[in-house]
Amino acid sequence: MIFSRRQLEYLLGEYVIHYHEERPHQGLGNRLISGEQGRSQGTIRRQTRLGGLLSFYDRVSG
């Protein structure tokens, strides 16, 4: 439940970051809108936003 405008702006900001920088898009050949692609080798790491409501995966070296 959203209780204030400030909270809504925070939630929307987090979602926009996730949508544009962390989520692959099928219409772009499963690439990111930002154009920055991650590594192809390394350990896969799960990261979350908004307390785990949004998840994304990337690779870390080592």
PDB file of N, CA and C in Angstrom:
ATOM      1  N   MET A   1       0.832  -1.157   0.000  1.00  0.00           N
ATOM      2  CA  MET A   1       0.000   0.000   0.000  1.00  0.00           C
ATOM      3  C   MET A   1       0.894   1.243   0.000  1.00  0.00           C
ATOM      4  N   ILE A   2       0.549   2.194  -0.796  1.00  0.00           N
ATOM      5  CA  ILE A   2       1.320   3.427  -0.903  1.00  0.00           C
ATOM      6  C   ILE A   2       0.628   4.497  -0.071  1.00  0.00           C
ATOM      7  N   PHE A   3       1.389   5.144   0.815  1.00  0.00           N
ATOM      8  CA  PHE A   3       0.810   6.098   1.745  1.00  0.00           C
ATOM      9  C   PHE A   3       1.100   7.555   1.440  1.00  0.00           C
ATOM     10  N   SER A   4       2.103   7.812   0.601  1.00  0.00           N
ATOM     11  CA  SER A   4       2.442   9.219   0.351  1.00  0.00           C
ATOM     12  C   SER A   4       2.971   9.398  -1.071  1.00  0.00           C
ATOM     13  N   ARG A   5       2.982  10.630  -1.500  1.00  0.00           N
ATOM     14  CA  ARG A   5       3.518  10.950  -2.822  1.00  0.00           C
ATOM     15  C   ARG A   5       5.011  10.642  -2.890  1.00  0.00           C
ATOM     16  N   ARG A   6       5.722  10.931  -1.825  1.00  0.00           N
ATOM     17  CA  ARG A   6       7.161  10.672  -1.771  1.00  0.00           C
ATOM     18  C   ARG A   6       7.443   9.172  -1.949  1.00  0.00           C
ATOM     19  N   GLN A   7       6.658   8.352  -1.304  1.00  0.00           N
ATOM     20  CA  GLN A   7       6.809   6.913  -1.426  1.00  0.00           C
ATOM     21  C   GLN A   7       6.512   6.452  -2.861  1.00  0.00           C
ATOM     22  N   LEU A   8       5.480   6.997  -3.463  1.00  0.00           N
ATOM     23  CA  LEU A   8       5.137   6.664  -4.843  1.00  0.00           C
ATOM     24  C   LEU A   8       6.268   7.050  -5.794  1.00  0.00           C
ATOM     25  N   GLU A   9       6.833   8.238  -5.614  1.00  0.00           N
ATOM     26  CA  GLU A   9       7.933   8.682  -6.469  1.00  0.00           C
ATOM     27  C   GLU A   9       9.148   7.778  -6.326  1.00  0.00           C
ATOM     28  N   TYR A  10       9.432   7.337  -5.102  1.00  0.00           N
ATOM     29  CA  TYR A  10      10.546   6.412  -4.871  1.00  0.00           C
ATOM     30  C   TYR A  10      10.301   5.088  -5.604  1.00  0.00           C
ATOM     31  N   LEU A  11       9.107   4.529  -5.449  1.00  0.00           N
ATOM     32  CA  LEU A  11       8.775   3.258  -6.083  1.00  0.00           C
ATOM     33  C   LEU A  11       8.853   3.350  -7.607  1.00  0.00           C
ATOM     34  N   LEU A  12       8.311   4.413  -8.163  1.00  0.00           N
ATOM     35  CA  LEU A  12       8.361   4.594  -9.611  1.00  0.00           C
ATOM     36  C   LEU A  12       9.788   4.775 -10.110  1.00  0.00           C
ATOM     37  N   GLY A  13      10.592   5.504  -9.374  1.00  0.00           N
ATOM     38  CA  GLY A  13      11.994   5.701  -9.741  1.00  0.00           C
ATOM     39  C   GLY A  13      12.766   4.393  -9.759  1.00  0.00           C
ATOM     40  N   GLU A  14      12.555   3.554  -8.758  1.00  0.00           N
ATOM     41  CA  GLU A  14      13.208   2.248  -8.706  1.00  0.00           C
ATOM     42  C   GLU A  14      12.768   1.378  -9.878  1.00  0.00           C
ATOM     43  N   TYR A  15      11.478   1.414 -10.202  1.00  0.00           N
ATOM     44  CA  TYR A  15      10.977   0.603 -11.308  1.00  0.00           C
ATOM     45  C   TYR A  15      11.547   1.077 -12.637  1.00  0.00           C
ATOM     46  N   VAL A  16      11.635   2.382 -12.841  1.00  0.00           N
ATOM     47  CA  VAL A  16      12.185   2.913 -14.095  1.00  0.00           C
ATOM     48  C   VAL A  16      13.646   2.497 -14.258  1.00  0.00           C
ATOM     49  N   ILE A  17      14.419   2.558 -13.191  1.00  0.00           N
ATOM     50  CA  ILE A  17      15.812   2.111 -13.251  1.00  0.00           C
ATOM     51  C   ILE A  17      15.866   0.631 -13.643  1.00  0.00           C
ATOM     52  N   HIS A  18      15.050  -0.172 -13.002  1.00  0.00           N
ATOM     53  CA  HIS A  18      15.016  -1.601 -13.314  1.00  0.00           C
ATOM     54  C   HIS A  18      14.623  -1.827 -14.770  1.00  0.00           C
ATOM     55  N   TYR A  19      13.596  -1.148 -15.228  1.00  0.00           N
ATOM     56  CA  TYR A  19      13.070  -1.343 -16.578  1.00  0.00           C
ATOM     57  C   TYR A  19      14.080  -0.964 -17.647  1.00  0.00           C
ATOM     58  N   HIS A  20      14.793   0.147 -17.447  1.00  0.00           N
ATOM     59  CA  HIS A  20      15.713   0.638 -18.473  1.00  0.00           C
ATOM     60  C   HIS A  20      17.127   0.082 -18.378  1.00  0.00           C
ATOM     61  N   GLU A  21      17.577  -0.304 -17.186  1.00  0.00           N
ATOM     62  CA  GLU A  21      18.981  -0.681 -17.023  1.00  0.00           C
ATOM     63  C   GLU A  21      19.218  -2.132 -16.649  1.00  0.00           C
ATOM     64  N   GLU A  22      18.199  -2.846 -16.168  1.00  0.00           N
ATOM     65  CA  GLU A  22      18.447  -4.186 -15.646  1.00  0.00           C
ATOM     66  C   GLU A  22      17.600  -5.280 -16.297  1.00  0.00           C
ATOM     67  N   ARG A  23      16.581  -4.932 -17.010  1.00  0.00           N
ATOM     68  CA  ARG A  23      15.639  -5.906 -17.559  1.00  0.00           C
ATOM     69  C   ARG A  23      15.861  -6.087 -19.054  1.00  0.00           C
ATOM     70  N   PRO A  24      16.126  -7.317 -19.508  1.00  0.00           N
ATOM     71  CA  PRO A  24      16.264  -7.545 -20.953  1.00  0.00           C
ATOM     72  C   PRO A  24      14.910  -7.454 -21.649  1.00  0.00           C
ATOM     73  N   HIS A  25      14.899  -6.947 -22.872  1.00  0.00           N
ATOM     74  CA  HIS A  25      13.662  -6.742 -23.617  1.00  0.00           C
ATOM     75  C   HIS A  25      13.644  -7.613 -24.867  1.00  0.00           C
ATOM     76  N   GLN A  26      12.586  -8.401 -25.034  1.00  0.00           N
ATOM     77  CA  GLN A  26      12.479  -9.308 -26.169  1.00  0.00           C
ATOM     78  C   GLN A  26      12.494  -8.555 -27.492  1.00  0.00           C
ATOM     79  N   GLY A  27      11.874  -7.394 -27.554  1.00  0.00           N
ATOM     80  CA  GLY A  27      11.837  -6.618 -28.793  1.00  0.00           C
ATOM     81  C   GLY A  27      13.198  -6.108 -29.228  1.00  0.00           C
ATOM     82  N   LEU A  28      14.163  -6.148 -28.318  1.00  0.00           N
ATOM     83  CA  LEU A  28      15.532  -5.711 -28.626  1.00  0.00           C
ATOM     84  C   LEU A  28      16.490  -6.900 -28.676  1.00  0.00           C
ATOM     85  N   GLY A  29      15.951  -8.088 -28.906  1.00  0.00           N
ATOM     86  CA  GLY A  29      16.805  -9.275 -28.950  1.00  0.00           C
ATOM     87  C   GLY A  29      17.349  -9.650 -27.588  1.00  0.00           C
ATOM     88  N   ASN A  30      16.546  -9.463 -26.548  1.00  0.00           N
ATOM     89  CA  ASN A  30      16.921  -9.728 -25.156  1.00  0.00           C
ATOM     90  C   ASN A  30      18.128  -8.905 -24.707  1.00  0.00           C
ATOM     91  N   ARG A  31      18.185  -7.691 -25.176  1.00  0.00           N
ATOM     92  CA  ARG A  31      19.238  -6.770 -24.769  1.00  0.00           C
ATOM     93  C   ARG A  31      18.627  -5.706 -23.862  1.00  0.00           C
ATOM     94  N   LEU A  32      19.498  -4.978 -23.185  1.00  0.00           N
ATOM     95  CA  LEU A  32      19.050  -3.914 -22.301  1.00  0.00           C
ATOM     96  C   LEU A  32      18.793  -2.640 -23.097  1.00  0.00           C
ATOM     97  N   ILE A  33      17.839  -1.847 -22.656  1.00  0.00           N
ATOM     98  CA  ILE A  33      17.558  -0.568 -23.311  1.00  0.00           C
ATOM     99  C   ILE A  33      18.791   0.327 -23.259  1.00  0.00           C
ATOM    100  N   SER A  34      19.516   0.307 -22.145  1.00  0.00           N
ATOM    101  CA  SER A  34      20.696   1.164 -21.984  1.00  0.00           C
ATOM    102  C   SER A  34      21.819   0.784 -22.940  1.00  0.00           C
ATOM    103  N   GLY A  35      21.760  -0.436 -23.503  1.00  0.00           N
ATOM    104  CA  GLY A  35      22.791  -0.870 -24.435  1.00  0.00           C
ATOM    105  C   GLY A  35      24.001  -1.492 -23.771  1.00  0.00           C
ATOM    106  N   GLU A  36      24.118  -1.384 -22.455  1.00  0.00           N
ATOM    107  CA  GLU A  36      25.257  -1.949 -21.739  1.00  0.00           C
ATOM    108  C   GLU A  36      24.958  -3.405 -21.405  1.00  0.00           C
ATOM    109  N   GLN A  37      25.775  -4.300 -21.929  1.00  0.00           N
ATOM    110  CA  GLN A  37      25.584  -5.719 -21.674  1.00  0.00           C
ATOM    111  C   GLN A  37      26.599  -6.200 -20.648  1.00  0.00           C
ATOM    112  N   GLY A  38      26.195  -7.189 -19.891  1.00  0.00           N
ATOM    113  CA  GLY A  38      27.055  -7.739 -18.859  1.00  0.00           C
ATOM    114  C   GLY A  38      28.097  -8.694 -19.418  1.00  0.00           C
ATOM    115  N   ARG A  39      28.863  -9.267 -18.512  1.00  0.00           N
ATOM    116  CA  ARG A  39      29.899 -10.230 -18.889  1.00  0.00           C
ATOM    117  C   ARG A  39      29.253 -11.551 -19.310  1.00  0.00           C
ATOM    118  N   SER A  40      29.980 -12.318 -20.117  1.00  0.00           N
ATOM    119  CA  SER A  40      29.469 -13.618 -20.543  1.00  0.00           C
ATOM    120  C   SER A  40      30.038 -14.752 -19.692  1.00  0.00           C
ATOM    121  N   GLN A  41      31.007 -14.465 -18.824  1.00  0.00           N
ATOM    122  CA  GLN A  41      31.583 -15.484 -17.955  1.00  0.00           C
ATOM    123  C   GLN A  41      31.672 -14.954 -16.545  1.00  0.00           C
ATOM    124  N   GLY A  42      31.663 -15.873 -15.593  1.00  0.00           N
ATOM    125  CA  GLY A  42      31.760 -15.506 -14.195  1.00  0.00           C
ATOM    126  C   GLY A  42      30.603 -16.088 -13.405  1.00  0.00           C
ATOM    127  N   THR A  43      30.633 -15.889 -12.124  1.00  0.00           N
ATOM    128  CA  THR A  43      29.591 -16.391 -11.243  1.00  0.00           C
ATOM    129  C   THR A  43      28.331 -15.546 -11.383  1.00  0.00           C
ATOM    130  N   ILE A  44      27.189 -16.212 -11.481  1.00  0.00           N
ATOM    131  CA  ILE A  44      25.914 -15.499 -11.605  1.00  0.00           C
ATOM    132  C   ILE A  44      25.469 -15.044 -10.221  1.00  0.00           C
ATOM    133  N   ARG A  45      25.030 -13.786 -10.152  1.00  0.00           N
ATOM    134  CA  ARG A  45      24.597 -13.185  -8.898  1.00  0.00           C
ATOM    135  C   ARG A  45      23.192 -12.625  -9.087  1.00  0.00           C
ATOM    136  N   ARG A  46      22.327 -12.866  -8.127  1.00  0.00           N
ATOM    137  CA  ARG A  46      20.978 -12.300  -8.145  1.00  0.00           C
ATOM    138  C   ARG A  46      20.981 -11.024  -7.315  1.00  0.00           C
ATOM    139  N   GLN A  47      20.400  -9.980  -7.880  1.00  0.00           N
ATOM    140  CA  GLN A  47      20.229  -8.729  -7.154  1.00  0.00           C
ATOM    141  C   GLN A  47      18.750  -8.385  -7.173  1.00  0.00           C
ATOM    142  N   THR A  48      18.315  -7.646  -6.165  1.00  0.00           N
ATOM    143  CA  THR A  48      16.900  -7.308  -6.067  1.00  0.00           C
ATOM    144  C   THR A  48      16.707  -5.817  -5.846  1.00  0.00           C
ATOM    145  N   ARG A  49      15.506  -5.386  -6.140  1.00  0.00           N
ATOM    146  CA  ARG A  49      15.049  -4.029  -5.843  1.00  0.00           C
ATOM    147  C   ARG A  49      13.710  -4.149  -5.158  1.00  0.00           C
ATOM    148  N   LEU A  50      13.359  -3.152  -4.421  1.00  0.00           N
ATOM    149  CA  LEU A  50      12.063  -3.062  -3.753  1.00  0.00           C
ATOM    150  C   LEU A  50      11.781  -4.294  -2.891  1.00  0.00           C
ATOM    151  N   GLY A  51      12.762  -4.653  -2.085  1.00  0.00           N
ATOM    152  CA  GLY A  51      12.587  -5.749  -1.146  1.00  0.00           C
ATOM    153  C   GLY A  51      12.381  -7.105  -1.787  1.00  0.00           C
ATOM    154  N   GLY A  52      12.875  -7.295  -2.990  1.00  0.00           N
ATOM    155  CA  GLY A  52      12.763  -8.573  -3.666  1.00  0.00           C
ATOM    156  C   GLY A  52      11.627  -8.657  -4.669  1.00  0.00           C
ATOM    157  N   LEU A  53      10.833  -7.612  -4.799  1.00  0.00           N
ATOM    158  CA  LEU A  53       9.751  -7.628  -5.792  1.00  0.00           C
ATOM    159  C   LEU A  53      10.296  -7.659  -7.214  1.00  0.00           C
ATOM    160  N   LEU A  54      11.415  -6.996  -7.439  1.00  0.00           N
ATOM    161  CA  LEU A  54      12.063  -6.991  -8.744  1.00  0.00           C
ATOM    162  C   LEU A  54      13.417  -7.678  -8.599  1.00  0.00           C
ATOM    163  N   SER A  55      13.711  -8.629  -9.459  1.00  0.00           N
ATOM    164  CA  SER A  55      14.992  -9.335  -9.430  1.00  0.00           C
ATOM    165  C   SER A  55      15.670  -9.217 -10.783  1.00  0.00           C
ATOM    166  N   PHE A  56      16.996  -9.214 -10.749  1.00  0.00           N
ATOM    167  CA  PHE A  56      17.771  -9.278 -11.975  1.00  0.00           C
ATOM    168  C   PHE A  56      19.069 -10.000 -11.678  1.00  0.00           C
ATOM    169  N   TYR A  57      19.677 -10.506 -12.717  1.00  0.00           N
ATOM    170  CA  TYR A  57      20.864 -11.340 -12.569  1.00  0.00           C
ATOM    171  C   TYR A  57      22.001 -10.748 -13.403  1.00  0.00           C
ATOM    172  N   ASP A  58      23.206 -10.847 -12.858  1.00  0.00           N
ATOM    173  CA  ASP A  58      24.389 -10.452 -13.610  1.00  0.00           C
ATOM    174  C   ASP A  58      25.525 -11.373 -13.226  1.00  0.00           C
ATOM    175  N   ARG A  59      26.652 -11.194 -13.866  1.00  0.00           N
ATOM    176  CA  ARG A  59      27.824 -12.033 -13.576  1.00  0.00           C
ATOM    177  C   ARG A  59      28.908 -11.180 -12.940  1.00  0.00           C
ATOM    178  N   VAL A  60      29.612 -11.802 -12.010  1.00  0.00           N
ATOM    179  CA  VAL A  60      30.744 -11.158 -11.362  1.00  0.00           C
ATOM    180  C   VAL A  60      31.989 -11.990 -11.628  1.00  0.00           C
ATOM    181  N   SER A  61      33.098 -11.346 -11.817  1.00  0.00           N
ATOM    182  CA  SER A  61      34.347 -12.074 -12.061  1.00  0.00           C
ATOM    183  C   SER A  61      34.889 -12.619 -10.742  1.00  0.00           C
ATOM    184  N   GLY A  62      35.588 -13.718 -10.863  1.00  0.00           N
ATOM    185  CA  GLY A  62      36.264 -14.274  -9.708  1.00  0.00           C
ATOM    186  C   GLY A  62      35.476 -15.255  -9.016  1.00  0.00           C
TER     187      GLY A  62
END
